[in-house]
Amino acid sequence: MIHVTQFVYVRKGKEGIFHAFESQVLPLLERHNGKLLMRIRPGADQFIAGELDPPYEIHLVSFENEEGLLAYGNDEDRQKWLSLKDESVTSVIMVKE
């Protein structure tokens, strides 16, 4: 089992574009035996300390194996929507275990 946590940073004013991207690509997880375990949108007031700015969203997803994760990343239908991600996301910190 592969778990991926993503801390997603979104450009101000581009949240709607990000939501459009997510609505297209998150359903594709199942195609590759992936699951969305958590999607959290924390408020800045919930952070206690740290050097990083709070992310817009935190995602925890799982895949049965590395092949599923790679297939999801390369999915042709997902690739069609990457311009929305590029337009709306400033950065993503990804932790894989």
PDB file of N, CA and C in Angstrom:
ATOM      1  N   MET A   1       0.849  -1.180   0.000  1.00  0.00           N
ATOM      2  CA  MET A   1       0.000   0.000   0.000  1.00  0.00           C
ATOM      3  C   MET A   1       0.892   1.241   0.000  1.00  0.00           C
ATOM      4  N   ILE A   2       0.560   2.181  -0.884  1.00  0.00           N
ATOM      5  CA  ILE A   2       1.274   3.453  -0.996  1.00  0.00           C
ATOM      6  C   ILE A   2       0.346   4.551  -0.480  1.00  0.00           C
ATOM      7  N   HIS A   3       0.870   5.409   0.381  1.00  0.00           N
ATOM      8  CA  HIS A   3       0.120   6.579   0.854  1.00  0.00           C
ATOM      9  C   HIS A   3       0.846   7.839   0.399  1.00  0.00           C
ATOM     10  N   VAL A   4       0.064   8.786  -0.090  1.00  0.00           N
ATOM     11  CA  VAL A   4       0.611  10.064  -0.537  1.00  0.00           C
ATOM     12  C   VAL A   4      -0.157  11.173   0.174  1.00  0.00           C
ATOM     13  N   THR A   5       0.594  12.052   0.832  1.00  0.00           N
ATOM     14  CA  THR A   5       0.016  13.248   1.437  1.00  0.00           C
ATOM     15  C   THR A   5       0.493  14.438   0.631  1.00  0.00           C
ATOM     16  N   GLN A   6      -0.437  15.305   0.258  1.00  0.00           N
ATOM     17  CA  GLN A   6      -0.091  16.502  -0.502  1.00  0.00           C
ATOM     18  C   GLN A   6      -0.570  17.737   0.251  1.00  0.00           C
ATOM     19  N   PHE A   7       0.321  18.700   0.361  1.00  0.00           N
ATOM     20  CA  PHE A   7      -0.003  20.014   0.902  1.00  0.00           C
ATOM     21  C   PHE A   7      -0.056  20.938  -0.311  1.00  0.00           C
ATOM     22  N   VAL A   8      -1.257  21.403  -0.645  1.00  0.00           N
ATOM     23  CA  VAL A   8      -1.494  22.115  -1.898  1.00  0.00           C
ATOM     24  C   VAL A   8      -1.640  23.614  -1.627  1.00  0.00           C
ATOM     25  N   TYR A   9      -0.843  24.402  -2.333  1.00  0.00           N
ATOM     26  CA  TYR A   9      -0.868  25.861  -2.220  1.00  0.00           C
ATOM     27  C   TYR A   9      -1.482  26.438  -3.493  1.00  0.00           C
ATOM     28  N   VAL A  10      -2.564  27.200  -3.333  1.00  0.00           N
ATOM     29  CA  VAL A  10      -3.340  27.713  -4.455  1.00  0.00           C
ATOM     30  C   VAL A  10      -3.198  29.228  -4.529  1.00  0.00           C
ATOM     31  N   ARG A  11      -3.109  29.738  -5.754  1.00  0.00           N
ATOM     32  CA  ARG A  11      -3.035  31.185  -5.976  1.00  0.00           C
ATOM     33  C   ARG A  11      -4.340  31.851  -5.528  1.00  0.00           C
ATOM     34  N   LYS A  12      -4.219  32.991  -4.848  1.00  0.00           N
ATOM     35  CA  LYS A  12      -5.408  33.739  -4.440  1.00  0.00           C
ATOM     36  C   LYS A  12      -6.218  34.114  -5.669  1.00  0.00           C
ATOM     37  N   GLY A  13      -7.524  33.927  -5.558  1.00  0.00           N
ATOM     38  CA  GLY A  13      -8.415  34.234  -6.659  1.00  0.00           C
ATOM     39  C   GLY A  13      -8.560  33.121  -7.674  1.00  0.00           C
ATOM     40  N   LYS A  14      -7.784  32.056  -7.540  1.00  0.00           N
ATOM     41  CA  LYS A  14      -7.817  30.940  -8.498  1.00  0.00           C
ATOM     42  C   LYS A  14      -8.435  29.678  -7.882  1.00  0.00           C
ATOM     43  N   GLU A  15      -9.083  29.834  -6.756  1.00  0.00           N
ATOM     44  CA  GLU A  15      -9.654  28.684  -6.062  1.00  0.00           C
ATOM     45  C   GLU A  15     -10.695  27.960  -6.927  1.00  0.00           C
ATOM     46  N   GLY A  16     -11.524  28.690  -7.639  1.00  0.00           N
ATOM     47  CA  GLY A  16     -12.534  28.074  -8.501  1.00  0.00           C
ATOM     48  C   GLY A  16     -11.917  27.223  -9.597  1.00  0.00           C
ATOM     49  N   ILE A  17     -10.817  27.690 -10.147  1.00  0.00           N
ATOM     50  CA  ILE A  17     -10.110  26.924 -11.178  1.00  0.00           C
ATOM     51  C   ILE A  17      -9.543  25.644 -10.579  1.00  0.00           C
ATOM     52  N   PHE A  18      -9.003  25.758  -9.375  1.00  0.00           N
ATOM     53  CA  PHE A  18      -8.488  24.581  -8.679  1.00  0.00           C
ATOM     54  C   PHE A  18      -9.612  23.581  -8.418  1.00  0.00           C
ATOM     55  N   HIS A  19     -10.770  24.058  -7.979  1.00  0.00           N
ATOM     56  CA  HIS A  19     -11.899  23.168  -7.719  1.00  0.00           C
ATOM     57  C   HIS A  19     -12.344  22.470  -9.007  1.00  0.00           C
ATOM     58  N   ALA A  20     -12.310  23.193 -10.127  1.00  0.00           N
ATOM     59  CA  ALA A  20     -12.661  22.582 -11.415  1.00  0.00           C
ATOM     60  C   ALA A  20     -11.683  21.461 -11.761  1.00  0.00           C
ATOM     61  N   PHE A  21     -10.400  21.693 -11.527  1.00  0.00           N
ATOM     62  CA  PHE A  21      -9.383  20.668 -11.758  1.00  0.00           C
ATOM     63  C   PHE A  21      -9.659  19.442 -10.893  1.00  0.00           C
ATOM     64  N   GLU A  22      -9.867  19.664  -9.618  1.00  0.00           N
ATOM     65  CA  GLU A  22     -10.091  18.560  -8.688  1.00  0.00           C
ATOM     66  C   GLU A  22     -11.349  17.765  -9.058  1.00  0.00           C
ATOM     67  N   SER A  23     -12.394  18.449  -9.492  1.00  0.00           N
ATOM     68  CA  SER A  23     -13.630  17.740  -9.828  1.00  0.00           C
ATOM     69  C   SER A  23     -13.440  16.815 -11.031  1.00  0.00           C
ATOM     70  N   GLN A  24     -12.468  17.104 -11.863  1.00  0.00           N
ATOM     71  CA  GLN A  24     -12.196  16.265 -13.027  1.00  0.00           C
ATOM     72  C   GLN A  24     -11.234  15.110 -12.715  1.00  0.00           C
ATOM     73  N   VAL A  25     -10.237  15.360 -11.864  1.00  0.00           N
ATOM     74  CA  VAL A  25      -9.185  14.354 -11.686  1.00  0.00           C
ATOM     75  C   VAL A  25      -9.382  13.437 -10.488  1.00  0.00           C
ATOM     76  N   LEU A  26     -10.025  13.895  -9.435  1.00  0.00           N
ATOM     77  CA  LEU A  26     -10.187  13.027  -8.271  1.00  0.00           C
ATOM     78  C   LEU A  26     -11.010  11.770  -8.586  1.00  0.00           C
ATOM     79  N   PRO A  27     -12.056  11.849  -9.414  1.00  0.00           N
ATOM     80  CA  PRO A  27     -12.774  10.613  -9.746  1.00  0.00           C
ATOM     81  C   PRO A  27     -11.921   9.580 -10.482  1.00  0.00           C
ATOM     82  N   LEU A  28     -10.819  10.005 -11.071  1.00  0.00           N
ATOM     83  CA  LEU A  28      -9.948   9.082 -11.804  1.00  0.00           C
ATOM     84  C   LEU A  28      -9.120   8.194 -10.880  1.00  0.00           C
ATOM     85  N   LEU A  29      -9.051   8.524  -9.602  1.00  0.00           N
ATOM     86  CA  LEU A  29      -8.288   7.707  -8.653  1.00  0.00           C
ATOM     87  C   LEU A  29      -8.740   6.249  -8.692  1.00  0.00           C
ATOM     88  N   GLU A  30     -10.051   6.044  -8.675  1.00  0.00           N
ATOM     89  CA  GLU A  30     -10.590   4.682  -8.620  1.00  0.00           C
ATOM     90  C   GLU A  30     -10.161   3.843  -9.816  1.00  0.00           C
ATOM     91  N   ARG A  31      -9.986   4.477 -10.963  1.00  0.00           N
ATOM     92  CA  ARG A  31      -9.561   3.781 -12.181  1.00  0.00           C
ATOM     93  C   ARG A  31      -8.217   3.082 -11.964  1.00  0.00           C
ATOM     94  N   HIS A  32      -7.428   3.603 -11.029  1.00  0.00           N
ATOM     95  CA  HIS A  32      -6.070   3.088 -10.794  1.00  0.00           C
ATOM     96  C   HIS A  32      -5.929   2.515  -9.390  1.00  0.00           C
ATOM     97  N   ASN A  33      -7.052   2.056  -8.855  1.00  0.00           N
ATOM     98  CA  ASN A  33      -7.092   1.470  -7.512  1.00  0.00           C
ATOM     99  C   ASN A  33      -6.593   2.439  -6.447  1.00  0.00           C
ATOM    100  N   GLY A  34      -6.925   3.703  -6.639  1.00  0.00           N
ATOM    101  CA  GLY A  34      -6.591   4.721  -5.654  1.00  0.00           C
ATOM    102  C   GLY A  34      -7.830   5.143  -4.886  1.00  0.00           C
ATOM    103  N   LYS A  35      -7.604   5.694  -3.702  1.00  0.00           N
ATOM    104  CA  LYS A  35      -8.695   6.159  -2.848  1.00  0.00           C
ATOM    105  C   LYS A  35      -8.329   7.516  -2.261  1.00  0.00           C
ATOM    106  N   LEU A  36      -9.297   8.398  -2.221  1.00  0.00           N
ATOM    107  CA  LEU A  36      -9.139   9.664  -1.512  1.00  0.00           C
ATOM    108  C   LEU A  36      -9.542   9.408  -0.072  1.00  0.00           C
ATOM    109  N   LEU A  37      -8.567   9.375   0.814  1.00  0.00           N
ATOM    110  CA  LEU A  37      -8.830   9.084   2.221  1.00  0.00           C
ATOM    111  C   LEU A  37      -9.232  10.335   2.991  1.00  0.00           C
ATOM    112  N   MET A  38      -8.632  11.466   2.645  1.00  0.00           N
ATOM    113  CA  MET A  38      -8.955  12.744   3.291  1.00  0.00           C
ATOM    114  C   MET A  38      -8.689  13.884   2.341  1.00  0.00           C
ATOM    115  N   ARG A  39      -9.556  14.877   2.409  1.00  0.00           N
ATOM    116  CA  ARG A  39      -9.343  16.142   1.713  1.00  0.00           C
ATOM    117  C   ARG A  39      -9.737  17.216   2.723  1.00  0.00           C
ATOM    118  N   ILE A  40      -8.749  17.931   3.204  1.00  0.00           N
ATOM    119  CA  ILE A  40      -8.940  18.880   4.301  1.00  0.00           C
ATOM    120  C   ILE A  40      -8.605  20.279   3.817  1.00  0.00           C
ATOM    121  N   ARG A  41      -9.436  21.235   4.183  1.00  0.00           N
ATOM    122  CA  ARG A  41      -9.172  22.643   3.882  1.00  0.00           C
ATOM    123  C   ARG A  41      -9.051  23.385   5.217  1.00  0.00           C
ATOM    124  N   PRO A  42      -7.840  23.413   5.772  1.00  0.00           N
ATOM    125  CA  PRO A  42      -7.665  24.010   7.102  1.00  0.00           C
ATOM    126  C   PRO A  42      -7.662  25.540   7.039  1.00  0.00           C
ATOM    127  N   GLY A  43      -8.170  26.141   8.083  1.00  0.00           N
ATOM    128  CA  GLY A  43      -8.099  27.594   8.200  1.00  0.00           C
ATOM    129  C   GLY A  43      -6.778  28.014   8.829  1.00  0.00           C
ATOM    130  N   ALA A  44      -6.332  29.205   8.513  1.00  0.00           N
ATOM    131  CA  ALA A  44      -5.059  29.709   9.048  1.00  0.00           C
ATOM    132  C   ALA A  44      -5.079  29.756  10.570  1.00  0.00           C
ATOM    133  N   ASP A  45      -6.251  29.945  11.166  1.00  0.00           N
ATOM    134  CA  ASP A  45      -6.353  30.024  12.622  1.00  0.00           C
ATOM    135  C   ASP A  45      -6.135  28.679  13.304  1.00  0.00           C
ATOM    136  N   GLN A  46      -6.058  27.596  12.541  1.00  0.00           N
ATOM    137  CA  GLN A  46      -5.848  26.273  13.107  1.00  0.00           C
ATOM    138  C   GLN A  46      -4.373  25.887  13.187  1.00  0.00           C
ATOM    139  N   PHE A  47      -3.494  26.736  12.717  1.00  0.00           N
ATOM    140  CA  PHE A  47      -2.061  26.458  12.760  1.00  0.00           C
ATOM    141  C   PHE A  47      -1.464  27.059  14.021  1.00  0.00           C
ATOM    142  N   ILE A  48      -0.668  26.265  14.676  1.00  0.00           N
ATOM    143  CA  ILE A  48      -0.082  26.684  15.947  1.00  0.00           C
ATOM    144  C   ILE A  48       1.305  27.269  15.738  1.00  0.00           C
ATOM    145  N   ALA A  49       2.153  26.603  14.972  1.00  0.00           N
ATOM    146  CA  ALA A  49       3.523  27.068  14.754  1.00  0.00           C
ATOM    147  C   ALA A  49       4.080  26.396  13.511  1.00  0.00           C
ATOM    148  N   GLY A  50       5.126  26.985  12.970  1.00  0.00           N
ATOM    149  CA  GLY A  50       5.801  26.385  11.831  1.00  0.00           C
ATOM    150  C   GLY A  50       6.384  27.440  10.919  1.00  0.00           C
ATOM    151  N   GLU A  51       7.313  27.012  10.091  1.00  0.00           N
ATOM    152  CA  GLU A  51       7.983  27.921   9.180  1.00  0.00           C
ATOM    153  C   GLU A  51       7.241  28.090   7.857  1.00  0.00           C
ATOM    154  N   LEU A  52       6.369  27.150   7.517  1.00  0.00           N
ATOM    155  CA  LEU A  52       5.652  27.207   6.246  1.00  0.00           C
ATOM    156  C   LEU A  52       4.316  27.920   6.410  1.00  0.00           C
ATOM    157  N   ASP A  53       3.843  28.499   5.312  1.00  0.00           N
ATOM    158  CA  ASP A  53       2.503  29.055   5.286  1.00  0.00           C
ATOM    159  C   ASP A  53       1.494  27.912   5.288  1.00  0.00           C
ATOM    160  N   PRO A  54       0.302  28.150   5.799  1.00  0.00           N
ATOM    161  CA  PRO A  54      -0.728  27.110   5.746  1.00  0.00           C
ATOM    162  C   PRO A  54      -1.103  26.800   4.295  1.00  0.00           C
ATOM    163  N   PRO A  55      -1.289  25.527   3.958  1.00  0.00           N
ATOM    164  CA  PRO A  55      -1.724  25.181   2.603  1.00  0.00           C
ATOM    165  C   PRO A  55      -3.207  25.458   2.439  1.00  0.00           C
ATOM    166  N   TYR A  56      -3.643  25.539   1.189  1.00  0.00           N
ATOM    167  CA  TYR A  56      -5.064  25.685   0.893  1.00  0.00           C
ATOM    168  C   TYR A  56      -5.802  24.384   1.206  1.00  0.00           C
ATOM    169  N   GLU A  57      -5.208  23.258   0.790  1.00  0.00           N
ATOM    170  CA  GLU A  57      -5.790  21.949   1.068  1.00  0.00           C
ATOM    171  C   GLU A  57      -4.704  20.945   1.404  1.00  0.00           C
ATOM    172  N   ILE A  58      -5.117  19.909   2.127  1.00  0.00           N
ATOM    173  CA  ILE A  58      -4.269  18.757   2.417  1.00  0.00           C
ATOM    174  C   ILE A  58      -5.023  17.526   1.927  1.00  0.00           C
ATOM    175  N   HIS A  59      -4.345  16.716   1.119  1.00  0.00           N
ATOM    176  CA  HIS A  59      -4.944  15.487   0.581  1.00  0.00           C
ATOM    177  C   HIS A  59      -4.161  14.286   1.100  1.00  0.00           C
ATOM    178  N   LEU A  60      -4.886  13.242   1.458  1.00  0.00           N
ATOM    179  CA  LEU A  60      -4.281  11.952   1.756  1.00  0.00           C
ATOM    180  C   LEU A  60      -4.935  10.939   0.833  1.00  0.00           C
ATOM    181  N   VAL A  61      -4.134  10.331  -0.036  1.00  0.00           N
ATOM    182  CA  VAL A  61      -4.634   9.325  -0.965  1.00  0.00           C
ATOM    183  C   VAL A  61      -3.836   8.044  -0.799  1.00  0.00           C
ATOM    184  N   SER A  62      -4.427   6.943  -1.215  1.00  0.00           N
ATOM    185  CA  SER A  62      -3.717   5.665  -1.173  1.00  0.00           C
ATOM    186  C   SER A  62      -3.877   4.947  -2.502  1.00  0.00           C
ATOM    187  N   PHE A  63      -2.884   4.126  -2.812  1.00  0.00           N
ATOM    188  CA  PHE A  63      -2.906   3.260  -3.988  1.00  0.00           C
ATOM    189  C   PHE A  63      -2.452   1.881  -3.542  1.00  0.00           C
ATOM    190  N   GLU A  64      -2.937   0.867  -4.218  1.00  0.00           N
ATOM    191  CA  GLU A  64      -2.547  -0.492  -3.861  1.00  0.00           C
ATOM    192  C   GLU A  64      -1.066  -0.733  -4.089  1.00  0.00           C
ATOM    193  N   ASN A  65      -0.502  -0.044  -5.105  1.00  0.00           N
ATOM    194  CA  ASN A  65       0.912  -0.239  -5.408  1.00  0.00           C
ATOM    195  C   ASN A  65       1.452   0.965  -6.185  1.00  0.00           C
ATOM    196  N   GLU A  66       2.745   0.950  -6.405  1.00  0.00           N
ATOM    197  CA  GLU A  66       3.429   2.034  -7.118  1.00  0.00           C
ATOM    198  C   GLU A  66       2.924   2.167  -8.555  1.00  0.00           C
ATOM    199  N   GLU A  67       2.594   1.042  -9.168  1.00  0.00           N
ATOM    200  CA  GLU A  67       2.109   1.068 -10.546  1.00  0.00           C
ATOM    201  C   GLU A  67       0.816   1.878 -10.659  1.00  0.00           C
ATOM    202  N   GLY A  68      -0.066   1.741  -9.676  1.00  0.00           N
ATOM    203  CA  GLY A  68      -1.309   2.495  -9.679  1.00  0.00           C
ATOM    204  C   GLY A  68      -1.070   3.987  -9.564  1.00  0.00           C
ATOM    205  N   LEU A  69      -0.139   4.361  -8.693  1.00  0.00           N
ATOM    206  CA  LEU A  69       0.212   5.773  -8.522  1.00  0.00           C
ATOM    207  C   LEU A  69       0.777   6.344  -9.818  1.00  0.00           C
ATOM    208  N   LEU A  70       1.679   5.616 -10.445  1.00  0.00           N
ATOM    209  CA  LEU A  70       2.268   6.079 -11.705  1.00  0.00           C
ATOM    210  C   LEU A  70       1.219   6.157 -12.814  1.00  0.00           C
ATOM    211  N   ALA A  71       0.333   5.171 -12.867  1.00  0.00           N
ATOM    212  CA  ALA A  71      -0.708   5.168 -13.893  1.00  0.00           C
ATOM    213  C   ALA A  71      -1.655   6.349 -13.704  1.00  0.00           C
ATOM    214  N   TYR A  72      -1.978   6.678 -12.470  1.00  0.00           N
ATOM    215  CA  TYR A  72      -2.831   7.843 -12.204  1.00  0.00           C
ATOM    216  C   TYR A  72      -2.141   9.119 -12.673  1.00  0.00           C
ATOM    217  N   GLY A  73      -0.875   9.262 -12.354  1.00  0.00           N
ATOM    218  CA  GLY A  73      -0.137  10.450 -12.763  1.00  0.00           C
ATOM    219  C   GLY A  73      -0.049  10.606 -14.270  1.00  0.00           C
ATOM    220  N   ASN A  74      -0.030   9.491 -14.985  1.00  0.00           N
ATOM    221  CA  ASN A  74       0.095   9.517 -16.441  1.00  0.00           C
ATOM    222  C   ASN A  74      -1.235   9.330 -17.175  1.00  0.00           C
ATOM    223  N   ASP A  75      -2.321   9.243 -16.439  1.00  0.00           N
ATOM    224  CA  ASP A  75      -3.632   9.015 -17.042  1.00  0.00           C
ATOM    225  C   ASP A  75      -3.922  10.093 -18.093  1.00  0.00           C
ATOM    226  N   GLU A  76      -4.293   9.669 -19.290  1.00  0.00           N
ATOM    227  CA  GLU A  76      -4.552  10.619 -20.386  1.00  0.00           C
ATOM    228  C   GLU A  76      -5.678  11.586 -20.055  1.00  0.00           C
ATOM    229  N   ASP A  77      -6.719  11.109 -19.408  1.00  0.00           N
ATOM    230  CA  ASP A  77      -7.811  12.006 -19.031  1.00  0.00           C
ATOM    231  C   ASP A  77      -7.346  13.032 -17.997  1.00  0.00           C
ATOM    232  N   ARG A  78      -6.488  12.626 -17.072  1.00  0.00           N
ATOM    233  CA  ARG A  78      -5.934  13.556 -16.082  1.00  0.00           C
ATOM    234  C   ARG A  78      -5.048  14.593 -16.763  1.00  0.00           C
ATOM    235  N   GLN A  79      -4.266  14.144 -17.720  1.00  0.00           N
ATOM    236  CA  GLN A  79      -3.347  15.050 -18.423  1.00  0.00           C
ATOM    237  C   GLN A  79      -4.089  16.195 -19.108  1.00  0.00           C
ATOM    238  N   LYS A  80      -5.316  15.933 -19.574  1.00  0.00           N
ATOM    239  CA  LYS A  80      -6.112  16.955 -20.256  1.00  0.00           C
ATOM    240  C   LYS A  80      -6.416  18.153 -19.368  1.00  0.00           C
ATOM    241  N   TRP A  81      -6.414  17.955 -18.055  1.00  0.00           N
ATOM    242  CA  TRP A  81      -6.826  19.003 -17.124  1.00  0.00           C
ATOM    243  C   TRP A  81      -5.653  19.674 -16.417  1.00  0.00           C
ATOM    244  N   LEU A  82      -4.432  19.278 -16.709  1.00  0.00           N
ATOM    245  CA  LEU A  82      -3.278  19.818 -15.994  1.00  0.00           C
ATOM    246  C   LEU A  82      -3.099  21.322 -16.175  1.00  0.00           C
ATOM    247  N   SER A  83      -3.603  21.886 -17.265  1.00  0.00           N
ATOM    248  CA  SER A  83      -3.481  23.332 -17.441  1.00  0.00           C
ATOM    249  C   SER A  83      -4.228  24.078 -16.341  1.00  0.00           C
ATOM    250  N   LEU A  84      -5.336  23.507 -15.849  1.00  0.00           N
ATOM    251  CA  LEU A  84      -6.060  24.124 -14.735  1.00  0.00           C
ATOM    252  C   LEU A  84      -5.220  24.095 -13.459  1.00  0.00           C
ATOM    253  N   LYS A  85      -4.529  22.989 -13.248  1.00  0.00           N
ATOM    254  CA  LYS A  85      -3.646  22.896 -12.084  1.00  0.00           C
ATOM    255  C   LYS A  85      -2.513  23.905 -12.210  1.00  0.00           C
ATOM    256  N   ASP A  86      -1.907  23.965 -13.379  1.00  0.00           N
ATOM    257  CA  ASP A  86      -0.794  24.897 -13.591  1.00  0.00           C
ATOM    258  C   ASP A  86      -1.221  26.341 -13.366  1.00  0.00           C
ATOM    259  N   GLU A  87      -2.440  26.666 -13.757  1.00  0.00           N
ATOM    260  CA  GLU A  87      -2.937  28.032 -13.607  1.00  0.00           C
ATOM    261  C   GLU A  87      -3.270  28.375 -12.157  1.00  0.00           C
ATOM    262  N   SER A  88      -3.702  27.393 -11.383  1.00  0.00           N
ATOM    263  CA  SER A  88      -4.231  27.680 -10.054  1.00  0.00           C
ATOM    264  C   SER A  88      -3.305  27.338  -8.891  1.00  0.00           C
ATOM    265  N   VAL A  89      -2.376  26.435  -9.076  1.00  0.00           N
ATOM    266  CA  VAL A  89      -1.543  25.953  -7.967  1.00  0.00           C
ATOM    267  C   VAL A  89      -0.157  26.581  -8.037  1.00  0.00           C
ATOM    268  N   THR A  90       0.286  27.132  -6.911  1.00  0.00           N
ATOM    269  CA  THR A  90       1.645  27.674  -6.867  1.00  0.00           C
ATOM    270  C   THR A  90       2.662  26.586  -6.558  1.00  0.00           C
ATOM    271  N   SER A  91       2.308  25.672  -5.637  1.00  0.00           N
ATOM    272  CA  SER A  91       3.225  24.589  -5.297  1.00  0.00           C
ATOM    273  C   SER A  91       2.483  23.485  -4.554  1.00  0.00           C
ATOM    274  N   VAL A  92       3.109  22.312  -4.549  1.00  0.00           N
ATOM    275  CA  VAL A  92       2.600  21.152  -3.821  1.00  0.00           C
ATOM    276  C   VAL A  92       3.784  20.512  -3.113  1.00  0.00           C
ATOM    277  N   ILE A  93       3.619  20.260  -1.845  1.00  0.00           N
ATOM    278  CA  ILE A  93       4.594  19.466  -1.096  1.00  0.00           C
ATOM    279  C   ILE A  93       3.995  18.070  -0.981  1.00  0.00           C
ATOM    280  N   MET A  94       4.736  17.078  -1.479  1.00  0.00           N
ATOM    281  CA  MET A  94       4.225  15.715  -1.495  1.00  0.00           C
ATOM    282  C   MET A  94       5.096  14.832  -0.605  1.00  0.00           C
ATOM    283  N   VAL A  95       4.438  14.041   0.231  1.00  0.00           N
ATOM    284  CA  VAL A  95       5.108  13.070   1.095  1.00  0.00           C
ATOM    285  C   VAL A  95       4.553  11.707   0.736  1.00  0.00           C
ATOM    286  N   LYS A  96       5.444  10.795   0.325  1.00  0.00           N
ATOM    287  CA  LYS A  96       5.020   9.455  -0.072  1.00  0.00           C
ATOM    288  C   LYS A  96       5.601   8.444   0.896  1.00  0.00           C
ATOM    289  N   GLU A  97       4.746   7.529   1.330  1.00  0.00           N
ATOM    290  CA  GLU A  97       5.228   6.461   2.213  1.00  0.00           C
ATOM    291  C   GLU A  97       4.609   5.139   1.838  1.00  0.00           C
TER     292      GLU A  97
END
